[in-house]
Structure formats: C-alpha cells, structure tokens
C-alpha cells in the first residue's frame, strides 16, 4: 500500500510544513497535519517512527472521547510513537484522496497506524483505553520496540524475582506514575512491600487500587498474598509448637491446616504445600475439601507461574487423577 502514497497523489512536497506544525525530525510527537503536510508528517515520518493518524471532525462526538485517550497513551510512550491529527472536515480533498486509496474515512473517528510508509493497521470508533493501549503496543512490537512501561514492568518483576525487593518497589512506583491504572503495577507493588516485610504499607497500597481493577487476577492474587502474609506471620510464631503437636496427633487435620499456614508464613512454601497434600492423600473430602481450597489459595497468593506453585500443582494433579 505504501507505493500508492506519493507526493503527486497527495499534491504536496514531503519537505513542506505549514506554520504552526512541527517539521519532520523534531521531537514533537502530537501534532496537527493537513493537505500540505500529510506526506511529510505521516508517510515520510513513519520511515523512522511509528505514526498514528487520528482522523476526526469538530462535529464528531466519539472523536472528542477518543482523542484525549490517544494523546495520553502517546505521551506515555515517551517519544516512541507519533500522533498526527487530521481534521477531515477542514481537509476534504485529502480525505477524498485517502478514501480512494482504501482508507475507510466515511465514518469517523478512524485511527490508522503507519510504519515504513505503509498502513499496518487501523480501528474505527471510540475504544476503551485498554484496547487502544494494546493497539499501540502491537504497533511498537511490529516496529521492534515496546512501551517504556513494558520495560519498567519487566525490570521490576526481574528485581523481585532476584530478591531485590527494594529496587522492585521503586520500579513499580515508576510504572504507576506512568500508568496509574496498571494492575501489574499495583499487584507488583503490594508483593514487593510484602517481600520487604512491610504489611502495613502493602495494605495501604492495596487500599489505593482503583475500584475497576478489583477483580483483575493481578490484584486478587496480590491481595491473597497479603492476607496469607498477615495470617502466616501470626502462625509462624507458633511453628515449632505446631510441628510438635501435629507429629503427636497425625490424624488431627485441623492442626495440620494450621501448620501449613505457619510454614507458609515462615517462607517454607514447599513444606506448606506438602502438608496440605498429605491431608488430601488421607482424606481429600475432609471438611468439604478444606485442604484443597487452602492449597489453591496458596497458588493464587504465590502466583500461578511461581516455581513452587507449578511444583505443587503437578503433585496435586497427580494425586487427584491417579
């Protein structure tokens, strides 16, 4: 499609830019374009940076909802993607030419992604912020790049995995500054604070999570970890006594359940899981499956991809399907 976008069809020179717009090559990433600057600001610019073109009009209600969200996400991209806004009402000739080249501009808003002089993708109508973010992330991925927040999240998760909880908390804080509604950011912050043994700070962070994220797996998992941390901290102080009592009364499953919580609170995850699995081996239906319910709660708190979760889940599957 890029071969059809040439200066003769658009009727302008690629190096011409009207007053009030940033010339190609400057750091401006949100600009307006018209008939005379479209080739330079969109097609030519897209050879070095992914370009989103927002086709809108003053009378278009959905456009007024969409454009601010686009601008927010482009700013969050930190200069890795460019947004060009084109008023189709003020540029009817340009819109007509682009329609002839296959762009569906009869119904706006339309957002078109350009890369290397070609149209890569587009969407029509106002979309949720999460969908627009995914659209931009996909565009950056095709261009061999990522959103800055993606890099911060990866670094934060790696720091937490490596045991550098303080560094992870700082990175999760950076992520939340850029994306205040990031479930990964909030969930990671709660977990990092727990790793720093700061349950009160983790509780405070949990209370600040936007309500719309309450059911997101990252949030429910982090809150499960917080609840287990508080319960386990109390039980861990009784760990030695619970071990002795459980050894003396191996058929007392209530004691074993408390022992599992204490082991988890002491950071002994594998032993905590094995204690619950021992109950299931003896009586999988005890107390309406309480041992399995507690084990699944552990999995949610630890994270479904955590090595301890994966190891215990394999044992659970082997037990249930043997």
Protein backbone atom coordinates (compact mmCIF):
# COMPACT_ATOMS: atom_id res chain seq x y z
CA UNK A 1 0.00 0.00 0.00
CA UNK A 2 2.94 2.31 0.62
CA UNK A 3 3.64 2.60 -3.09
CA UNK A 4 0.34 4.49 -3.54
CA UNK A 5 1.27 7.17 -1.02
CA UNK A 6 3.38 9.54 -3.10
CA UNK A 7 3.65 13.29 -3.18
CA UNK A 8 1.91 13.57 -6.56
CA UNK A 9 -1.28 11.92 -5.34
CA UNK A 10 -1.32 13.91 -2.12
CA UNK A 11 -0.35 17.03 -4.01
CA UNK A 12 2.50 18.37 -1.91
CA UNK A 13 6.21 18.23 -1.27
CA UNK A 14 7.34 15.92 1.56
CA UNK A 15 9.53 18.71 2.95
CA UNK A 16 6.76 21.30 3.20
CA UNK A 17 5.16 22.03 6.55
CA UNK A 18 2.67 24.81 7.30
CA UNK A 19 3.15 27.35 10.03
CA UNK A 20 2.18 26.04 13.46
CA UNK A 21 3.20 22.43 12.87
CA UNK A 22 6.46 20.78 13.80
CA UNK A 23 8.72 19.87 10.88
CA UNK A 24 9.64 16.26 10.40
CA UNK A 25 12.58 15.27 12.56
CA UNK A 26 11.67 17.38 15.62
CA UNK A 27 10.77 15.86 18.96
CA UNK A 28 7.06 16.80 18.79
CA UNK A 29 5.04 13.60 18.96
CA UNK A 30 1.50 15.08 18.93
CA UNK A 31 0.77 17.45 16.05
CA UNK A 32 -1.91 18.51 13.57
CA UNK A 33 -1.48 17.94 9.84
CA UNK A 34 -3.31 18.99 6.68
CA UNK A 35 -3.16 18.53 2.92
CA UNK A 36 0.23 20.22 2.60
CA UNK A 37 1.97 18.43 5.47
CA UNK A 38 0.45 14.94 5.40
CA UNK A 39 3.21 13.31 3.35
CA UNK A 40 5.99 14.76 5.49
CA UNK A 41 4.39 14.30 8.89
CA UNK A 42 2.87 10.88 8.28
CA UNK A 43 4.26 8.87 5.38
CA UNK A 44 7.85 10.17 5.46
CA UNK A 45 7.96 10.39 9.26
CA UNK A 46 6.78 6.78 9.54
CA UNK A 47 10.03 5.60 7.98
CA UNK A 48 11.78 6.36 11.28
CA UNK A 49 8.98 6.31 13.90
CA UNK A 50 5.58 4.57 14.06
CA UNK A 51 2.83 7.10 13.33
CA UNK A 52 -0.80 7.05 14.43
CA UNK A 53 -3.17 9.23 12.42
CA UNK A 54 -6.35 10.33 14.16
CA UNK A 55 -8.95 11.29 11.55
CA UNK A 56 -11.57 13.42 13.30
CA UNK A 57 -14.00 16.33 12.85
CA UNK A 58 -15.31 19.05 15.19
CA UNK A 59 -18.88 17.75 15.00
CA UNK A 60 -17.90 14.16 15.89
CA UNK A 61 -18.83 13.26 19.49
CA UNK A 62 -16.89 9.97 19.68
CA UNK A 63 -13.82 11.80 18.35
CA UNK A 64 -13.86 14.07 21.39
CA UNK A 65 -13.82 10.99 23.62
CA UNK A 66 -11.11 9.18 21.68
CA UNK A 67 -8.52 11.89 21.04
CA UNK A 68 -7.63 12.65 24.69
CA UNK A 69 -7.08 8.94 25.35
CA UNK A 70 -4.86 8.66 22.29
CA UNK A 71 -2.86 11.66 23.44
CA UNK A 72 -2.45 10.18 26.94
CA UNK A 73 -1.12 6.88 25.60
CA UNK A 74 1.20 8.55 23.08
CA UNK A 75 2.66 10.71 25.85
CA UNK A 76 3.19 7.59 27.94
CA UNK A 77 5.14 6.10 25.02
CA UNK A 78 7.85 8.66 25.68
CA UNK A 79 8.58 9.64 22.09
CA UNK A 80 8.47 6.11 20.64
CA UNK A 81 5.32 6.76 18.63
CA UNK A 82 3.91 9.87 16.96
CA UNK A 83 0.28 11.04 16.84
CA UNK A 84 -0.88 13.13 13.87
CA UNK A 85 -4.40 14.59 14.00
CA UNK A 86 -6.21 15.32 10.74
CA UNK A 87 -9.49 17.26 10.67
CA UNK A 88 -11.35 15.64 7.75
CA UNK A 89 -13.89 18.47 7.67
CA UNK A 90 -11.14 21.04 7.06
CA UNK A 91 -9.26 18.72 4.68
CA UNK A 92 -11.98 17.25 2.47
CA UNK A 93 -9.76 16.90 -0.59
CA UNK A 94 -7.14 14.98 1.39
CA UNK A 95 -9.82 12.75 2.93
CA UNK A 96 -11.26 12.04 -0.53
CA UNK A 97 -7.85 11.09 -1.90
CA UNK A 98 -7.15 8.79 1.05
CA UNK A 99 -10.55 7.15 0.65
CA UNK A 100 -9.62 6.38 -2.96
CA UNK A 101 -6.50 4.69 -1.61
CA UNK A 102 -8.62 2.42 0.60
CA UNK A 103 -8.88 4.19 3.96
CA UNK A 104 -12.46 3.99 5.36
CA UNK A 105 -12.92 7.63 6.31
CA UNK A 106 -16.66 7.77 5.64
CA UNK A 107 -17.31 7.02 9.33
CA UNK A 108 -15.08 8.67 11.92
CA UNK A 109 -13.20 8.52 14.17
CA UNK A 110 -10.68 6.36 12.38
CA UNK A 111 -7.17 5.76 13.68
CA UNK A 112 -4.62 4.48 11.18
CA UNK A 113 -1.17 3.13 12.06
CA UNK A 114 1.69 3.83 9.62
CA UNK A 115 5.15 2.25 9.66
CA UNK A 116 7.84 2.43 6.97
CA UNK A 117 5.46 4.33 4.71
CA UNK A 118 2.79 1.65 4.89
CA UNK A 119 -0.57 1.27 6.61
CA UNK A 120 -0.15 -1.52 9.16
CA UNK A 121 -3.50 -1.49 10.93
CA UNK A 122 -6.49 0.67 11.83
CA UNK A 123 -9.55 0.82 14.02
CA UNK A 124 -12.82 2.76 13.87
CA UNK A 125 -14.91 4.29 16.62
CA UNK A 126 -14.15 5.16 20.23
CA UNK A 127 -12.46 2.27 22.05
CA UNK A 128 -11.67 1.52 25.72
CA UNK A 129 -8.28 2.77 26.86
CA UNK A 130 -7.05 -0.79 27.39
CA UNK A 131 -7.82 -1.68 23.75
CA UNK A 132 -6.11 1.46 22.44
CA UNK A 133 -3.07 0.70 24.58
CA UNK A 134 -2.92 -2.83 23.14
CA UNK A 135 -3.22 -1.37 19.62
CA UNK A 136 -0.24 0.94 20.26
CA UNK A 137 1.76 -1.84 21.93
CA UNK A 138 1.17 -4.06 18.88
CA UNK A 139 2.32 -1.27 16.58
CA UNK A 140 5.50 -0.77 18.61
CA UNK A 141 6.13 -4.52 18.65
CA UNK A 142 5.94 -4.64 14.85
CA UNK A 143 8.41 -1.75 14.80
CA UNK A 144 10.76 -3.67 17.09
CA UNK A 145 10.06 -1.56 20.17
CA UNK A 146 7.97 -1.60 23.35
CA UNK A 147 6.23 0.92 25.59
CA UNK A 148 8.58 2.30 28.28
CA UNK A 149 6.17 0.93 30.90
CA UNK A 150 6.67 -2.56 29.48
CA UNK A 151 10.41 -2.29 30.07
CA UNK A 152 9.90 -0.97 33.59
CA UNK A 153 7.50 -3.82 34.40
CA UNK A 154 9.94 -6.45 33.13
CA UNK A 155 12.77 -4.92 35.18
CA UNK A 156 10.57 -4.71 38.30
CA UNK A 157 9.49 -8.34 38.02
CA UNK A 158 13.08 -9.46 37.50
CA UNK A 159 14.25 -7.46 40.53
CA UNK A 160 11.52 -9.02 42.67
CA UNK A 161 12.39 -12.49 41.39
CA UNK A 162 16.07 -11.89 42.16
CA UNK A 163 15.28 -10.90 45.73
CA UNK A 164 15.86 -7.16 45.27
CA UNK A 165 12.51 -6.10 46.73
CA UNK A 166 13.57 -2.52 47.44
CA UNK A 167 14.62 -2.00 43.83
CA UNK A 168 11.42 -3.70 42.63
CA UNK A 169 9.26 -1.39 44.76
CA UNK A 170 10.98 1.64 43.23
CA UNK A 171 10.39 0.34 39.72
CA UNK A 172 6.75 -0.49 40.40
CA UNK A 173 6.37 3.06 41.71
CA UNK A 174 7.79 4.41 38.43
CA UNK A 175 5.36 2.24 36.50
CA UNK A 176 2.40 3.56 38.47
CA UNK A 177 3.49 7.14 37.86
CA UNK A 178 3.33 6.44 34.12
CA UNK A 179 0.23 4.22 34.27
CA UNK A 180 -1.84 4.84 37.43
CA UNK A 181 -4.34 2.14 36.44
CA UNK A 182 -1.82 -0.63 35.79
CA UNK A 183 -2.97 -3.81 37.59
CA UNK A 184 0.53 -5.25 37.17
CA UNK A 185 1.95 -2.14 38.82
CA UNK A 186 -0.38 -2.24 41.82
CA UNK A 187 -0.13 -6.01 42.26
CA UNK A 188 3.64 -5.88 41.98
CA UNK A 189 3.88 -3.03 44.49
CA UNK A 190 1.87 -4.99 47.07
CA UNK A 191 4.08 -8.05 46.58
CA UNK A 192 7.30 -6.01 46.73
CA UNK A 193 6.21 -4.41 50.01
CA UNK A 194 5.38 -7.83 51.42
CA UNK A 195 8.83 -9.04 50.40
CA UNK A 196 10.21 -6.07 52.36
CA UNK A 197 8.10 -7.27 55.32
CA UNK A 198 6.06 -4.08 55.31
CA UNK A 199 2.48 -5.43 55.52
CA UNK A 200 1.02 -2.10 56.65
CA UNK A 201 2.48 -0.34 53.59
CA UNK A 202 1.21 -3.21 51.42
CA UNK A 203 -2.25 -2.80 52.96
CA UNK A 204 -2.12 0.92 52.21
CA UNK A 205 -1.13 0.25 48.60
CA UNK A 206 -3.93 -2.30 48.27
CA UNK A 207 -6.45 0.28 49.50
CA UNK A 208 -5.38 2.71 46.75
CA UNK A 209 -6.04 0.30 43.87
CA UNK A 210 -8.71 1.76 41.54
CA UNK A 211 -12.03 0.01 42.12
CA UNK A 212 -12.30 -1.00 38.47
CA UNK A 213 -9.23 -3.26 38.96
CA UNK A 214 -10.59 -5.14 41.98
CA UNK A 215 -11.37 -8.33 40.04
CA UNK A 216 -8.17 -8.36 37.96
CA UNK A 217 -6.09 -11.52 38.63
CA UNK A 218 -3.01 -9.41 39.43
CA UNK A 219 -4.94 -7.63 42.18
CA UNK A 220 -6.81 -10.63 43.60
CA UNK A 221 -3.54 -12.57 43.68
CA UNK A 222 -1.66 -9.78 45.45
CA UNK A 223 -4.44 -9.36 48.00
CA UNK A 224 -4.47 -13.11 48.61
CA UNK A 225 -0.73 -12.89 49.25
CA UNK A 226 -1.33 -10.02 51.66
CA UNK A 227 -3.99 -11.96 53.58
CA UNK A 228 -1.77 -15.04 53.79
CA UNK A 229 1.17 -12.92 54.93
CA UNK A 230 -0.83 -11.49 57.83
CA UNK A 231 -2.23 -14.91 58.79
CA UNK A 232 1.12 -16.62 58.36
CA UNK A 233 3.02 -14.05 60.41
CA UNK A 234 0.80 -14.86 63.37
CA UNK A 235 1.04 -18.61 62.81
CA UNK A 236 4.80 -18.61 62.17
CA UNK A 237 5.46 -17.67 65.79
CA UNK A 238 3.82 -20.97 66.75
CA UNK A 239 5.61 -23.04 64.12
CA UNK A 240 7.74 -25.18 66.44
CA UNK A 241 4.82 -25.89 68.75
CA UNK A 242 2.55 -26.76 65.82
CA UNK A 243 5.16 -29.14 64.43
CA UNK A 244 5.36 -30.99 67.74
CA UNK A 245 1.60 -31.08 68.20
CA UNK A 246 0.98 -32.28 64.65
CA UNK A 247 3.60 -35.02 64.98
CA UNK A 248 1.93 -36.19 68.19
CA UNK A 249 -1.54 -36.15 66.61
CA UNK A 250 -1.11 -37.04 62.89
CA UNK A 251 -4.85 -37.54 62.41
CA UNK A 252 -5.71 -34.04 63.62
CA UNK A 253 -6.19 -32.32 60.26
CA UNK A 254 -7.11 -29.00 61.87
CA UNK A 255 -3.64 -28.93 63.39
CA UNK A 256 -2.09 -29.77 60.01
CA UNK A 257 -4.04 -26.96 58.36
CA UNK A 258 -2.66 -24.52 60.93
CA UNK A 259 0.80 -26.00 60.44
CA UNK A 260 0.58 -25.39 56.68
CA UNK A 261 -0.31 -21.74 57.33
CA UNK A 262 2.62 -21.40 59.72
CA UNK A 263 5.04 -22.99 57.26
CA UNK A 264 3.84 -20.66 54.52
CA UNK A 265 4.20 -17.69 56.85
CA UNK A 266 7.76 -18.77 57.56
CA UNK A 267 8.51 -18.86 53.84
CA UNK A 268 8.63 -22.65 53.66
CA UNK A 269 6.29 -22.96 50.71
CA UNK A 270 7.15 -26.48 49.54
CA UNK A 271 6.66 -27.88 53.05
CA UNK A 272 3.40 -25.94 53.42
CA UNK A 273 2.08 -27.44 50.17
CA UNK A 274 3.21 -30.94 51.13
CA UNK A 275 1.41 -30.64 54.47
CA UNK A 276 -1.86 -29.88 52.68
CA UNK A 277 -1.23 -32.62 50.12
CA UNK A 278 -0.77 -35.10 52.99
CA UNK A 279 -4.28 -34.22 54.21
CA UNK A 280 -5.65 -34.78 50.71
CA UNK A 281 -3.92 -38.15 50.44
CA UNK A 282 -5.51 -39.23 53.70
CA UNK A 283 -8.97 -37.76 53.04
CA UNK A 284 -9.48 -35.50 50.08
CA UNK A 285 -13.05 -34.67 51.17
CA UNK A 286 -12.17 -33.70 54.76
CA UNK A 287 -14.02 -30.60 55.92
CA UNK A 288 -15.59 -30.16 52.46
CA UNK A 289 -12.21 -30.15 50.72
CA UNK A 290 -10.65 -27.52 53.03
CA UNK A 291 -7.09 -28.67 52.29
CA UNK A 292 -7.55 -28.27 48.53
CA UNK A 293 -9.22 -24.88 48.99
CA UNK A 294 -6.29 -23.68 51.11
CA UNK A 295 -3.77 -25.03 48.60
CA UNK A 296 -5.49 -23.18 45.76
CA UNK A 297 -5.39 -20.03 47.88
CA UNK A 298 -1.64 -20.54 48.25
CA UNK A 299 -1.31 -20.84 44.46
CA UNK A 300 -3.16 -17.57 43.91
CA UNK A 301 -1.04 -15.81 46.51
CA UNK A 302 2.27 -17.18 45.24
CA UNK A 303 1.39 -16.53 41.60
CA UNK A 304 0.27 -19.11 39.08
CA UNK A 305 3.66 -19.19 37.33
CA UNK A 306 5.74 -19.33 40.52
CA UNK A 307 8.03 -22.42 40.62
CA UNK A 308 6.58 -23.51 43.98
CA UNK A 309 3.06 -23.24 42.57
CA UNK A 310 3.96 -25.25 39.49
CA UNK A 311 5.66 -27.99 41.52
CA UNK A 312 2.78 -28.30 43.99
CA UNK A 313 0.18 -28.15 41.22
CA UNK A 314 1.83 -31.11 39.50
CA UNK A 315 1.65 -33.09 42.74
CA UNK A 316 -1.99 -32.09 43.21
CA UNK A 317 -2.90 -33.17 39.66
CA UNK A 318 -1.11 -36.48 40.12
CA UNK A 319 -3.00 -37.05 43.36
CA UNK A 320 -6.43 -36.10 42.04
CA UNK A 321 -6.16 -38.01 38.76
CA UNK A 322 -4.35 -41.12 39.97
